[in-house]
PDB file of N, CA and C in Angstrom:
ATOM      1  N   UNK A   1       0.888  -1.255  -0.097  1.00  0.00           N
ATOM      2  CA  UNK A   1       0.090  -0.133   0.006  1.00  0.00           C
ATOM      3  C   UNK A   1       0.881   1.475   0.037  1.00  0.00           C
ATOM      4  N   UNK A   2       0.599   2.154  -0.901  1.00  0.00           N
ATOM      5  CA  UNK A   2       1.417   3.491  -0.797  1.00  0.00           C
ATOM      6  C   UNK A   2       0.674   4.548   0.208  1.00  0.00           C
ATOM      7  N   UNK A   3       1.707   5.246   0.531  1.00  0.00           N
ATOM      8  CA  UNK A   3       1.307   6.319   1.239  1.00  0.00           C
ATOM      9  C   UNK A   3       0.484   7.376   0.556  1.00  0.00           C
ATOM     10  N   UNK A   4      -0.657   8.063   1.331  1.00  0.00           N
ATOM     11  CA  UNK A   4      -1.155   8.895   0.724  1.00  0.00           C
ATOM     12  C   UNK A   4      -0.265  10.189   0.326  1.00  0.00           C
ATOM     13  N   UNK A   5      -0.763  10.809  -0.776  1.00  0.00           N
ATOM     14  CA  UNK A   5      -0.039  11.967  -1.130  1.00  0.00           C
ATOM     15  C   UNK A   5      -0.537  12.976  -0.409  1.00  0.00           C
ATOM     16  N   UNK A   6       0.458  14.066   0.493  1.00  0.00           N
ATOM     17  CA  UNK A   6      -0.080  15.007   1.185  1.00  0.00           C
ATOM     18  C   UNK A   6       1.193  15.959   1.340  1.00  0.00           C
ATOM     19  N   UNK A   7       0.817  17.241   1.212  1.00  0.00           N
ATOM     20  CA  UNK A   7       1.776  18.467   1.390  1.00  0.00           C
ATOM     21  C   UNK A   7       1.082  19.407   2.195  1.00  0.00           C
ATOM     22  N   UNK A   8       2.032  20.039   3.017  1.00  0.00           N
ATOM     23  CA  UNK A   8       1.443  21.384   3.811  1.00  0.00           C
ATOM     24  C   UNK A   8       2.274  22.239   3.710  1.00  0.00           C
ATOM     25  N   UNK A   9       2.296  23.653   3.434  1.00  0.00           N
ATOM     26  CA  UNK A   9       3.177  24.575   3.454  1.00  0.00           C
ATOM     27  C   UNK A   9       2.737  25.971   4.129  1.00  0.00           C
ATOM     28  N   UNK A  10       3.628  26.596   4.445  1.00  0.00           N
ATOM     29  CA  UNK A  10       2.974  27.952   5.224  1.00  0.00           C
ATOM     30  C   UNK A  10       4.037  29.062   4.586  1.00  0.00           C
ATOM     31  N   UNK A  11       3.066  30.071   4.097  1.00  0.00           N
ATOM     32  CA  UNK A  11       3.673  31.192   3.442  1.00  0.00           C
ATOM     33  C   UNK A  11       3.135  32.361   4.124  1.00  0.00           C
ATOM     34  N   UNK A  12       3.665  33.752   4.108  1.00  0.00           N
ATOM     35  CA  UNK A  12       3.149  34.947   4.712  1.00  0.00           C
ATOM     36  C   UNK A  12       2.649  35.760   3.426  1.00  0.00           C
ATOM     37  N   UNK A  13       1.451  36.253   3.555  1.00  0.00           N
ATOM     38  CA  UNK A  13       1.058  37.052   2.425  1.00  0.00           C
ATOM     39  C   UNK A  13       0.161  38.324   2.915  1.00  0.00           C
ATOM     40  N   UNK A  14       0.711  39.427   2.983  1.00  0.00           N
ATOM     41  CA  UNK A  14       0.178  40.481   3.313  1.00  0.00           C
ATOM     42  C   UNK A  14      -0.405  40.943   4.819  1.00  0.00           C
ATOM     43  N   UNK A  15       0.837  40.245   5.590  1.00  0.00           N
ATOM     44  CA  UNK A  15       0.549  40.218   6.808  1.00  0.00           C
ATOM     45  C   UNK A  15      -0.183  38.911   7.532  1.00  0.00           C
ATOM     46  N   UNK A  16      -0.574  38.149   6.331  1.00  0.00           N
ATOM     47  CA  UNK A  16      -1.505  36.935   6.927  1.00  0.00           C
ATOM     48  C   UNK A  16      -0.727  35.785   6.761  1.00  0.00           C
ATOM     49  N   UNK A  17      -0.720  34.464   7.696  1.00  0.00           N
ATOM     50  CA  UNK A  17      -0.101  33.477   7.449  1.00  0.00           C
ATOM     51  C   UNK A  17      -0.990  32.508   6.679  1.00  0.00           C
ATOM     52  N   UNK A  18      -0.529  32.062   5.503  1.00  0.00           N
ATOM     53  CA  UNK A  18      -1.639  31.140   4.617  1.00  0.00           C
ATOM     54  C   UNK A  18      -0.987  29.730   4.972  1.00  0.00           C
ATOM     55  N   UNK A  19      -1.841  28.857   5.219  1.00  0.00           N
ATOM     56  CA  UNK A  19      -1.203  27.396   5.407  1.00  0.00           C
ATOM     57  C   UNK A  19      -2.240  26.537   4.126  1.00  0.00           C
ATOM     58  N   UNK A  20      -1.528  26.082   3.411  1.00  0.00           N
ATOM     59  CA  UNK A  20      -2.150  25.458   2.348  1.00  0.00           C
ATOM     60  C   UNK A  20      -1.804  23.753   2.355  1.00  0.00           C
ATOM     61  N   UNK A  21      -2.645  23.069   2.264  1.00  0.00           N
ATOM     62  CA  UNK A  21      -2.895  21.632   2.314  1.00  0.00           C
ATOM     63  C   UNK A  21      -3.162  21.200   0.891  1.00  0.00           C
ATOM     64  N   UNK A  22      -2.297  20.026   0.558  1.00  0.00           N
ATOM     65  CA  UNK A  22      -2.472  19.329  -0.681  1.00  0.00           C
ATOM     66  C   UNK A  22      -2.566  17.963  -0.400  1.00  0.00           C
ATOM     67  N   UNK A  23      -3.571  17.319  -1.234  1.00  0.00           N
ATOM     68  CA  UNK A  23      -3.680  15.841  -1.220  1.00  0.00           C
ATOM     69  C   UNK A  23      -4.781  15.474   0.062  1.00  0.00           C
ATOM     70  N   UNK A  24      -4.431  14.421   0.407  1.00  0.00           N
ATOM     71  CA  UNK A  24      -5.355  13.591   1.284  1.00  0.00           C
ATOM     72  C   UNK A  24      -5.233  14.065   2.753  1.00  0.00           C
ATOM     73  N   UNK A  25      -6.316  14.424   3.446  1.00  0.00           N
ATOM     74  CA  UNK A  25      -6.150  14.777   4.862  1.00  0.00           C
ATOM     75  C   UNK A  25      -7.062  13.811   5.752  1.00  0.00           C
ATOM     76  N   UNK A  26      -6.100  12.720   5.817  1.00  0.00           N
ATOM     77  CA  UNK A  26      -6.762  11.614   6.640  1.00  0.00           C
ATOM     78  C   UNK A  26      -6.337  10.919   7.830  1.00  0.00           C
ATOM     79  N   UNK A  27      -6.288  10.150   8.402  1.00  0.00           N
ATOM     80  CA  UNK A  27      -5.665   9.405   9.547  1.00  0.00           C
ATOM     81  C   UNK A  27      -4.288   9.198   9.290  1.00  0.00           C
ATOM     82  N   UNK A  28      -4.010   8.963   8.075  1.00  0.00           N
ATOM     83  CA  UNK A  28      -2.511   8.790   7.725  1.00  0.00           C
ATOM     84  C   UNK A  28      -1.617  10.012   7.785  1.00  0.00           C
ATOM     85  N   UNK A  29      -2.199  11.043   7.455  1.00  0.00           N
ATOM     86  CA  UNK A  29      -1.458  12.334   7.088  1.00  0.00           C
ATOM     87  C   UNK A  29      -1.879  13.282   8.315  1.00  0.00           C
ATOM     88  N   UNK A  30      -2.833  12.770   9.223  1.00  0.00           N
ATOM     89  CA  UNK A  30      -3.103  13.716  10.499  1.00  0.00           C
ATOM     90  C   UNK A  30      -1.863  14.122  11.235  1.00  0.00           C
ATOM     91  N   UNK A  31      -0.958  13.416  11.274  1.00  0.00           N
ATOM     92  CA  UNK A  31       0.171  13.796  12.383  1.00  0.00           C
ATOM     93  C   UNK A  31       0.866  14.948  11.790  1.00  0.00           C
ATOM     94  N   UNK A  32       1.340  14.771  10.433  1.00  0.00           N
ATOM     95  CA  UNK A  32       2.254  15.800   9.785  1.00  0.00           C
ATOM     96  C   UNK A  32       1.455  17.076   9.832  1.00  0.00           C
ATOM     97  N   UNK A  33      -0.256  17.005   9.603  1.00  0.00           N
ATOM     98  CA  UNK A  33      -1.089  18.106   9.414  1.00  0.00           C
ATOM     99  C   UNK A  33      -1.138  18.985  10.513  1.00  0.00           C
ATOM    100  N   UNK A  34      -1.413  18.052  11.695  1.00  0.00           N
ATOM    101  CA  UNK A  34      -1.373  18.724  13.029  1.00  0.00           C
ATOM    102  C   UNK A  34      -0.051  19.551  13.190  1.00  0.00           C
ATOM    103  N   UNK A  35       1.188  18.861  12.838  1.00  0.00           N
ATOM    104  CA  UNK A  35       2.249  19.640  13.188  1.00  0.00           C
ATOM    105  C   UNK A  35       2.431  21.094  12.480  1.00  0.00           C
ATOM    106  N   UNK A  36       2.224  20.974  11.420  1.00  0.00           N
ATOM    107  CA  UNK A  36       2.484  22.094  10.379  1.00  0.00           C
ATOM    108  C   UNK A  36       1.204  23.303  10.834  1.00  0.00           C
ATOM    109  N   UNK A  37      -0.057  22.658  11.001  1.00  0.00           N
ATOM    110  CA  UNK A  37      -0.930  23.655  11.493  1.00  0.00           C
ATOM    111  C   UNK A  37      -0.601  24.271  12.762  1.00  0.00           C
ATOM    112  N   UNK A  38      -0.147  23.552  13.463  1.00  0.00           N
ATOM    113  CA  UNK A  38       0.337  24.122  14.997  1.00  0.00           C
ATOM    114  C   UNK A  38       1.603  25.241  14.740  1.00  0.00           C
ATOM    115  N   UNK A  39       2.361  24.945  13.711  1.00  0.00           N
ATOM    116  CA  UNK A  39       3.418  25.884  13.400  1.00  0.00           C
ATOM    117  C   UNK A  39       2.779  27.236  12.681  1.00  0.00           C
ATOM    118  N   UNK A  40       1.686  26.850  11.926  1.00  0.00           N
ATOM    119  CA  UNK A  40       1.006  28.068  11.265  1.00  0.00           C
ATOM    120  C   UNK A  40       0.546  28.787  12.303  1.00  0.00           C
ATOM    121  N   UNK A  41      -0.265  28.267  13.070  1.00  0.00           N
ATOM    122  CA  UNK A  41      -1.203  29.116  14.296  1.00  0.00           C
ATOM    123  C   UNK A  41      -0.309  29.837  15.069  1.00  0.00           C
ATOM    124  N   UNK A  42       0.972  29.217  15.498  1.00  0.00           N
ATOM    125  CA  UNK A  42       1.717  29.995  16.213  1.00  0.00           C
ATOM    126  C   UNK A  42       2.422  31.365  15.414  1.00  0.00           C
ATOM    127  N   UNK A  43       2.907  30.944  14.370  1.00  0.00           N
ATOM    128  CA  UNK A  43       3.481  32.234  13.544  1.00  0.00           C
ATOM    129  C   UNK A  43       2.157  33.355  13.112  1.00  0.00           C
ATOM    130  N   UNK A  44       1.007  32.936  13.069  1.00  0.00           N
ATOM    131  CA  UNK A  44      -0.160  33.807  12.936  1.00  0.00           C
ATOM    132  C   UNK A  44      -0.298  34.491  14.233  1.00  0.00           C
ATOM    133  N   UNK A  45      -0.381  33.858  15.436  1.00  0.00           N
ATOM    134  CA  UNK A  45      -0.390  34.571  16.748  1.00  0.00           C
ATOM    135  C   UNK A  45       0.705  35.395  16.879  1.00  0.00           C
ATOM    136  N   UNK A  46       1.737  35.479  16.506  1.00  0.00           N
ATOM    137  CA  UNK A  46       3.000  36.411  16.312  1.00  0.00           C
ATOM    138  C   UNK A  46       2.942  37.420  15.395  1.00  0.00           C
ATOM    139  N   UNK A  47       2.141  37.506  14.535  1.00  0.00           N
ATOM    140  CA  UNK A  47       2.031  38.400  13.493  1.00  0.00           C
ATOM    141  C   UNK A  47       0.952  39.707  13.945  1.00  0.00           C
ATOM    142  N   UNK A  48       1.176  40.832  13.474  1.00  0.00           N
ATOM    143  CA  UNK A  48       0.373  42.024  13.853  1.00  0.00           C
ATOM    144  C   UNK A  48      -0.993  41.484  13.460  1.00  0.00           C
ATOM    145  N   UNK A  49      -1.557  41.109  12.089  1.00  0.00           N
ATOM    146  CA  UNK A  49      -2.694  40.820  11.918  1.00  0.00           C
ATOM    147  C   UNK A  49      -3.460  39.975  12.617  1.00  0.00           C
ATOM    148  N   UNK A  50      -2.573  38.768  13.051  1.00  0.00           N
ATOM    149  CA  UNK A  50      -3.146  37.641  13.766  1.00  0.00           C
ATOM    150  C   UNK A  50      -4.284  36.908  12.860  1.00  0.00           C
ATOM    151  N   UNK A  51      -4.043  36.853  11.435  1.00  0.00           N
ATOM    152  CA  UNK A  51      -4.798  36.192  10.687  1.00  0.00           C
ATOM    153  C   UNK A  51      -4.229  34.918   9.917  1.00  0.00           C
ATOM    154  N   UNK A  52      -4.944  33.738  10.111  1.00  0.00           N
ATOM    155  CA  UNK A  52      -4.786  32.531   9.657  1.00  0.00           C
ATOM    156  C   UNK A  52      -5.526  32.031   8.520  1.00  0.00           C
ATOM    157  N   UNK A  53      -5.230  31.927   7.199  1.00  0.00           N
ATOM    158  CA  UNK A  53      -5.652  31.521   6.179  1.00  0.00           C
ATOM    159  C   UNK A  53      -5.316  29.979   5.902  1.00  0.00           C
ATOM    160  N   UNK A  54      -6.420  29.364   5.915  1.00  0.00           N
ATOM    161  CA  UNK A  54      -6.283  27.868   5.687  1.00  0.00           C
ATOM    162  C   UNK A  54      -6.786  27.646   4.336  1.00  0.00           C
ATOM    163  N   UNK A  55      -5.740  27.295   3.416  1.00  0.00           N
ATOM    164  CA  UNK A  55      -6.341  26.850   2.172  1.00  0.00           C
ATOM    165  C   UNK A  55      -6.413  25.354   1.792  1.00  0.00           C
ATOM    166  N   UNK A  56      -7.715  25.135   1.702  1.00  0.00           N
ATOM    167  CA  UNK A  56      -8.123  23.590   1.005  1.00  0.00           C
ATOM    168  C   UNK A  56      -8.347  23.281  -0.133  1.00  0.00           C
ATOM    169  N   UNK A  57      -7.943  24.158  -1.201  1.00  0.00           N
ATOM    170  CA  UNK A  57      -8.520  24.006  -2.462  1.00  0.00           C
ATOM    171  C   UNK A  57      -7.945  22.704  -3.096  1.00  0.00           C
ATOM    172  N   UNK A  58      -6.918  22.151  -2.580  1.00  0.00           N
ATOM    173  CA  UNK A  58      -6.165  21.298  -3.350  1.00  0.00           C
ATOM    174  C   UNK A  58      -6.212  19.751  -2.361  1.00  0.00           C
ATOM    175  N   UNK A  59      -7.084  19.813  -1.495  1.00  0.00           N
ATOM    176  CA  UNK A  59      -7.350  18.950  -0.622  1.00  0.00           C
ATOM    177  C   UNK A  59      -8.108  17.882  -1.211  1.00  0.00           C
ATOM    178  N   UNK A  60      -7.882  16.544  -1.485  1.00  0.00           N
ATOM    179  CA  UNK A  60      -8.673  15.716  -2.307  1.00  0.00           C
ATOM    180  C   UNK A  60      -9.430  14.716  -1.439  1.00  0.00           C
ATOM    181  N   UNK A  61      -9.315  14.718  -0.322  1.00  0.00           N
ATOM    182  CA  UNK A  61     -10.118  13.851   0.749  1.00  0.00           C
ATOM    183  C   UNK A  61     -10.174  14.402   2.200  1.00  0.00           C
ATOM    184  N   UNK A  62     -11.019  14.661   2.611  1.00  0.00           N
ATOM    185  CA  UNK A  62     -10.980  15.153   3.946  1.00  0.00           C
ATOM    186  C   UNK A  62     -11.961  14.333   4.909  1.00  0.00           C
ATOM    187  N   UNK A  63     -11.143  13.648   5.879  1.00  0.00           N
ATOM    188  CA  UNK A  63     -11.655  12.773   6.489  1.00  0.00           C
ATOM    189  C   UNK A  63     -12.362  13.388   7.988  1.00  0.00           C
ATOM    190  N   UNK A  64     -12.612  12.762   8.959  1.00  0.00           N
ATOM    191  CA  UNK A  64     -12.900  13.293  10.197  1.00  0.00           C
ATOM    192  C   UNK A  64     -12.012  13.983  11.079  1.00  0.00           C
ATOM    193  N   UNK A  65     -10.660  13.339  10.988  1.00  0.00           N
ATOM    194  CA  UNK A  65      -9.537  13.870  11.598  1.00  0.00           C
ATOM    195  C   UNK A  65      -9.050  15.341  10.974  1.00  0.00           C
ATOM    196  N   UNK A  66      -9.468  15.235   9.757  1.00  0.00           N
ATOM    197  CA  UNK A  66      -9.266  17.051   9.138  1.00  0.00           C
ATOM    198  C   UNK A  66     -10.261  17.643   9.682  1.00  0.00           C
ATOM    199  N   UNK A  67     -11.486  17.276   9.961  1.00  0.00           N
ATOM    200  CA  UNK A  67     -12.546  18.157  10.475  1.00  0.00           C
ATOM    201  C   UNK A  67     -12.283  18.735  12.203  1.00  0.00           C
ATOM    202  N   UNK A  68     -11.619  17.503  12.547  1.00  0.00           N
ATOM    203  CA  UNK A  68     -11.472  17.705  14.134  1.00  0.00           C
ATOM    204  C   UNK A  68     -10.141  18.790  14.122  1.00  0.00           C
ATOM    205  N   UNK A  69      -9.251  18.521  13.372  1.00  0.00           N
ATOM    206  CA  UNK A  69      -8.031  19.544  13.064  1.00  0.00           C
ATOM    207  C   UNK A  69      -8.736  20.931  12.772  1.00  0.00           C
ATOM    208  N   UNK A  70      -9.516  21.127  11.999  1.00  0.00           N
ATOM    209  CA  UNK A  70     -10.179  22.461  11.852  1.00  0.00           C
ATOM    210  C   UNK A  70     -10.770  23.022  13.055  1.00  0.00           C
ATOM    211  N   UNK A  71     -11.477  22.100  13.615  1.00  0.00           N
ATOM    212  CA  UNK A  71     -12.490  22.530  14.792  1.00  0.00           C
ATOM    213  C   UNK A  71     -11.468  22.891  15.993  1.00  0.00           C
ATOM    214  N   UNK A  72     -10.403  22.123  16.174  1.00  0.00           N
ATOM    215  CA  UNK A  72      -9.417  22.390  17.179  1.00  0.00           C
ATOM    216  C   UNK A  72      -8.941  23.514  17.105  1.00  0.00           C
ATOM    217  N   UNK A  73      -8.379  24.154  15.871  1.00  0.00           N
ATOM    218  CA  UNK A  73      -7.680  25.250  15.683  1.00  0.00           C
ATOM    219  C   UNK A  73      -8.546  26.320  15.759  1.00  0.00           C
ATOM    220  N   UNK A  74     -10.091  26.216  15.297  1.00  0.00           N
ATOM    221  CA  UNK A  74     -10.986  27.603  15.784  1.00  0.00           C
ATOM    222  C   UNK A  74     -10.978  27.470  17.080  1.00  0.00           C
ATOM    223  N   UNK A  75     -11.034  26.568  18.002  1.00  0.00           N
ATOM    224  CA  UNK A  75     -11.194  26.703  19.491  1.00  0.00           C
ATOM    225  C   UNK A  75      -9.798  27.544  19.932  1.00  0.00           C
ATOM    226  N   UNK A  76      -8.917  26.913  19.477  1.00  0.00           N
ATOM    227  CA  UNK A  76      -7.630  27.471  19.619  1.00  0.00           C
ATOM    228  C   UNK A  76      -7.394  29.014  19.523  1.00  0.00           C
ATOM    229  N   UNK A  77      -8.034  29.214  18.455  1.00  0.00           N
ATOM    230  CA  UNK A  77      -8.089  30.760  18.028  1.00  0.00           C
ATOM    231  C   UNK A  77      -8.766  31.754  18.813  1.00  0.00           C
ATOM    232  N   UNK A  78      -9.994  31.244  19.511  1.00  0.00           N
ATOM    233  CA  UNK A  78     -10.334  31.842  20.663  1.00  0.00           C
ATOM    234  C   UNK A  78      -9.559  32.299  21.712  1.00  0.00           C
ATOM    235  N   UNK A  79      -8.478  31.403  21.869  1.00  0.00           N
ATOM    236  CA  UNK A  79      -7.730  31.857  22.946  1.00  0.00           C
ATOM    237  C   UNK A  79      -6.380  32.612  22.698  1.00  0.00           C
ATOM    238  N   UNK A  80      -6.093  32.550  21.457  1.00  0.00           N
ATOM    239  CA  UNK A  80      -4.949  33.369  20.916  1.00  0.00           C
ATOM    240  C   UNK A  80      -5.185  34.450  20.362  1.00  0.00           C
ATOM    241  N   UNK A  81      -6.657  34.787  20.068  1.00  0.00           N
ATOM    242  CA  UNK A  81      -6.812  35.968  19.156  1.00  0.00           C
ATOM    243  C   UNK A  81      -6.736  35.860  17.805  1.00  0.00           C
ATOM    244  N   UNK A  82      -6.359  34.782  17.067  1.00  0.00           N
ATOM    245  CA  UNK A  82      -6.100  34.461  15.858  1.00  0.00           C
ATOM    246  C   UNK A  82      -7.270  34.484  14.967  1.00  0.00           C
ATOM    247  N   UNK A  83      -7.680  35.138  13.924  1.00  0.00           N
ATOM    248  CA  UNK A  83      -8.631  34.918  12.992  1.00  0.00           C
ATOM    249  C   UNK A  83      -8.626  33.996  11.966  1.00  0.00           C
ATOM    250  N   UNK A  84      -9.497  32.932  11.808  1.00  0.00           N
ATOM    251  CA  UNK A  84      -9.196  31.944  10.834  1.00  0.00           C
ATOM    252  C   UNK A  84     -10.045  31.973   9.735  1.00  0.00           C
ATOM    253  N   UNK A  85      -9.630  32.063   8.565  1.00  0.00           N
ATOM    254  CA  UNK A  85     -10.484  31.939   7.288  1.00  0.00           C
ATOM    255  C   UNK A  85     -10.163  30.787   6.618  1.00  0.00           C
ATOM    256  N   UNK A  86     -11.118  29.968   5.956  1.00  0.00           N
ATOM    257  CA  UNK A  86     -11.007  28.658   5.095  1.00  0.00           C
ATOM    258  C   UNK A  86     -10.989  29.291   3.633  1.00  0.00           C
ATOM    259  N   UNK A  87     -10.376  28.590   2.830  1.00  0.00           N
ATOM    260  CA  UNK A  87     -10.379  28.829   1.375  1.00  0.00           C
ATOM    261  C   UNK A  87     -10.917  27.503   0.851  1.00  0.00           C
ATOM    262  N   UNK A  88     -11.954  27.184   0.491  1.00  0.00           N
ATOM    263  CA  UNK A  88     -12.289  25.967  -0.147  1.00  0.00           C
ATOM    264  C   UNK A  88     -13.448  26.102  -1.378  1.00  0.00           C
ATOM    265  N   UNK A  89     -13.225  25.277  -2.273  1.00  0.00           N
ATOM    266  CA  UNK A  89     -13.856  25.401  -3.535  1.00  0.00           C
ATOM    267  C   UNK A  89     -14.367  24.149  -4.254  1.00  0.00           C
ATOM    268  N   UNK A  90     -13.841  22.996  -3.737  1.00  0.00           N
ATOM    269  CA  UNK A  90     -14.355  21.946  -4.198  1.00  0.00           C
ATOM    270  C   UNK A  90     -15.328  21.182  -3.401  1.00  0.00           C
ATOM    271  N   UNK A  91     -16.339  20.568  -4.040  1.00  0.00           N
ATOM    272  CA  UNK A  91     -17.503  19.558  -3.278  1.00  0.00           C
ATOM    273  C   UNK A  91     -16.822  18.635  -2.269  1.00  0.00           C
ATOM    274  N   UNK A  92     -15.536  18.282  -2.797  1.00  0.00           N
ATOM    275  CA  UNK A  92     -15.236  17.109  -1.797  1.00  0.00           C
ATOM    276  C   UNK A  92     -14.707  17.662  -0.407  1.00  0.00           C
ATOM    277  N   UNK A  93     -14.517  19.098  -0.428  1.00  0.00           N
ATOM    278  CA  UNK A  93     -14.270  19.672   1.057  1.00  0.00           C
ATOM    279  C   UNK A  93     -15.628  20.339   1.598  1.00  0.00           C
ATOM    280  N   UNK A  94     -16.153  21.095   0.608  1.00  0.00           N
ATOM    281  CA  UNK A  94     -17.237  21.995   1.050  1.00  0.00           C
ATOM    282  C   UNK A  94     -18.286  21.349   1.632  1.00  0.00           C
ATOM    283  N   UNK A  95     -18.743  19.989   0.751  1.00  0.00           N
ATOM    284  CA  UNK A  95     -19.767  19.545   1.305  1.00  0.00           C
ATOM    285  C   UNK A  95     -19.842  18.750   2.765  1.00  0.00           C
ATOM    286  N   UNK A  96     -18.269  18.336   3.141  1.00  0.00           N
ATOM    287  CA  UNK A  96     -18.174  17.882   4.374  1.00  0.00           C
ATOM    288  C   UNK A  96     -18.331  19.042   5.542  1.00  0.00           C
ATOM    289  N   UNK A  97     -17.646  19.875   5.208  1.00  0.00           N
ATOM    290  CA  UNK A  97     -17.750  21.171   6.063  1.00  0.00           C
ATOM    291  C   UNK A  97     -19.333  21.502   6.376  1.00  0.00           C
ATOM    292  N   UNK A  98     -20.053  21.656   5.509  1.00  0.00           N
ATOM    293  CA  UNK A  98     -21.417  22.008   5.401  1.00  0.00           C
ATOM    294  C   UNK A  98     -22.250  20.858   6.254  1.00  0.00           C
ATOM    295  N   UNK A  99     -22.168  19.725   5.900  1.00  0.00           N
ATOM    296  CA  UNK A  99     -22.737  18.873   6.717  1.00  0.00           C
ATOM    297  C   UNK A  99     -22.591  18.753   8.300  1.00  0.00           C
ATOM    298  N   UNK A 100     -21.491  18.947   8.418  1.00  0.00           N
ATOM    299  CA  UNK A 100     -20.871  19.007   9.823  1.00  0.00           C
ATOM    300  C   UNK A 100     -21.200  19.947  10.765  1.00  0.00           C
ATOM    301  N   UNK A 101     -21.532  20.854   9.839  1.00  0.00           N
ATOM    302  CA  UNK A 101     -21.988  22.336  10.494  1.00  0.00           C
ATOM    303  C   UNK A 101     -20.589  23.118  10.993  1.00  0.00           C
ATOM    304  N   UNK A 102     -19.521  22.782  10.465  1.00  0.00           N
ATOM    305  CA  UNK A 102     -18.206  23.623  10.672  1.00  0.00           C
ATOM    306  C   UNK A 102     -18.394  24.848   9.718  1.00  0.00           C
ATOM    307  N   UNK A 103     -19.328  25.057   8.728  1.00  0.00           N
ATOM    308  CA  UNK A 103     -19.426  25.893   8.141  1.00  0.00           C
ATOM    309  C   UNK A 103     -19.741  27.380   8.873  1.00  0.00           C
ATOM    310  N   UNK A 104     -20.344  27.074   9.986  1.00  0.00           N
ATOM    311  CA  UNK A 104     -21.254  27.964  10.646  1.00  0.00           C
ATOM    312  C   UNK A 104     -19.775  28.844  11.774  1.00  0.00           C
ATOM    313  N   UNK A 105     -18.980  28.076  11.786  1.00  0.00           N
ATOM    314  CA  UNK A 105     -17.785  28.218  12.736  1.00  0.00           C
ATOM    315  C   UNK A 105     -16.586  29.093  11.959  1.00  0.00           C
ATOM    316  N   UNK A 106     -16.683  28.970  10.571  1.00  0.00           N
ATOM    317  CA  UNK A 106     -15.702  29.591   9.593  1.00  0.00           C
ATOM    318  C   UNK A 106     -16.104  30.471   8.628  1.00  0.00           C
ATOM    319  N   UNK A 107     -15.487  31.817   8.392  1.00  0.00           N
ATOM    320  CA  UNK A 107     -15.792  32.329   6.973  1.00  0.00           C
ATOM    321  C   UNK A 107     -15.081  31.610   5.897  1.00  0.00           C
ATOM    322  N   UNK A 108     -15.766  31.203   4.953  1.00  0.00           N
ATOM    323  CA  UNK A 108     -15.136  30.574   3.796  1.00  0.00           C
ATOM    324  C   UNK A 108     -15.020  31.266   2.575  1.00  0.00           C
ATOM    325  N   UNK A 109     -14.148  31.301   1.987  1.00  0.00           N
ATOM    326  CA  UNK A 109     -13.633  32.069   0.563  1.00  0.00           C
ATOM    327  C   UNK A 109     -13.446  31.447  -0.399  1.00  0.00           C
ATOM    328  N   UNK A 110     -13.448  31.848  -1.822  1.00  0.00           N
ATOM    329  CA  UNK A 110     -13.241  31.172  -2.809  1.00  0.00           C
ATOM    330  C   UNK A 110     -11.695  31.319  -3.083  1.00  0.00           C
ATOM    331  N   UNK A 111     -11.124  32.272  -2.798  1.00  0.00           N
ATOM    332  CA  UNK A 111      -9.569  32.270  -3.260  1.00  0.00           C
ATOM    333  C   UNK A 111      -9.005  32.964  -1.978  1.00  0.00           C
ATOM    334  N   UNK A 112      -7.620  32.750  -1.939  1.00  0.00           N
ATOM    335  CA  UNK A 112      -6.486  33.123  -0.858  1.00  0.00           C
ATOM    336  C   UNK A 112      -6.402  34.791  -0.727  1.00  0.00           C
ATOM    337  N   UNK A 113      -6.601  35.267  -1.739  1.00  0.00           N
ATOM    338  CA  UNK A 113      -6.356  36.962  -1.560  1.00  0.00           C
ATOM    339  C   UNK A 113      -7.542  37.853  -1.043  1.00  0.00           C
ATOM    340  N   UNK A 114      -8.883  37.296  -1.371  1.00  0.00           N
ATOM    341  CA  UNK A 114      -9.713  37.629  -0.694  1.00  0.00           C
ATOM    342  C   UNK A 114      -9.719  37.280   0.783  1.00  0.00           C
ATOM    343  N   UNK A 115      -9.407  36.138   1.133  1.00  0.00           N
ATOM    344  CA  UNK A 115      -9.332  35.557   2.519  1.00  0.00           C
ATOM    345  C   UNK A 115      -8.314  36.213   3.350  1.00  0.00           C
ATOM    346  N   UNK A 116      -7.425  36.567   2.725  1.00  0.00           N
ATOM    347  CA  UNK A 116      -6.317  37.578   3.423  1.00  0.00           C
ATOM    348  C   UNK A 116      -6.701  38.929   3.702  1.00  0.00           C
ATOM    349  N   UNK A 117      -7.575  39.291   2.702  1.00  0.00           N
ATOM    350  CA  UNK A 117      -8.232  40.689   2.887  1.00  0.00           C
ATOM    351  C   UNK A 117      -9.434  40.735   4.086  1.00  0.00           C
ATOM    352  N   UNK A 118      -9.893  39.755   3.901  1.00  0.00           N
ATOM    353  CA  UNK A 118     -11.064  39.514   4.970  1.00  0.00           C
ATOM    354  C   UNK A 118     -12.160  40.190   4.810  1.00  0.00           C
TER     355      UNK A 118
END
């Protein structure tokens, strides 16, 4: 069995930290995703704008552990003062977020630039 394709990257754009995930966000990739998400959150908390944009446009599969990661960071944001915005355009991701009710906890955008601008 081959390992799922997964990549996470952190960039800074106009004072916001952008965390982009690519590939499958599932049980196999969750440890790596959690690590990079924690790094991104810490970086966002240290920035003046305290804005974290999580880009899910290239996520091909979003399992319950991925939803848990999003919910955990939303809760953490309440304590750190970080504002979190999601970027999601594929039905694979948006449907799961809607069905679970997480869409009520996040503002979702169609592109990173708009999410950064808030």
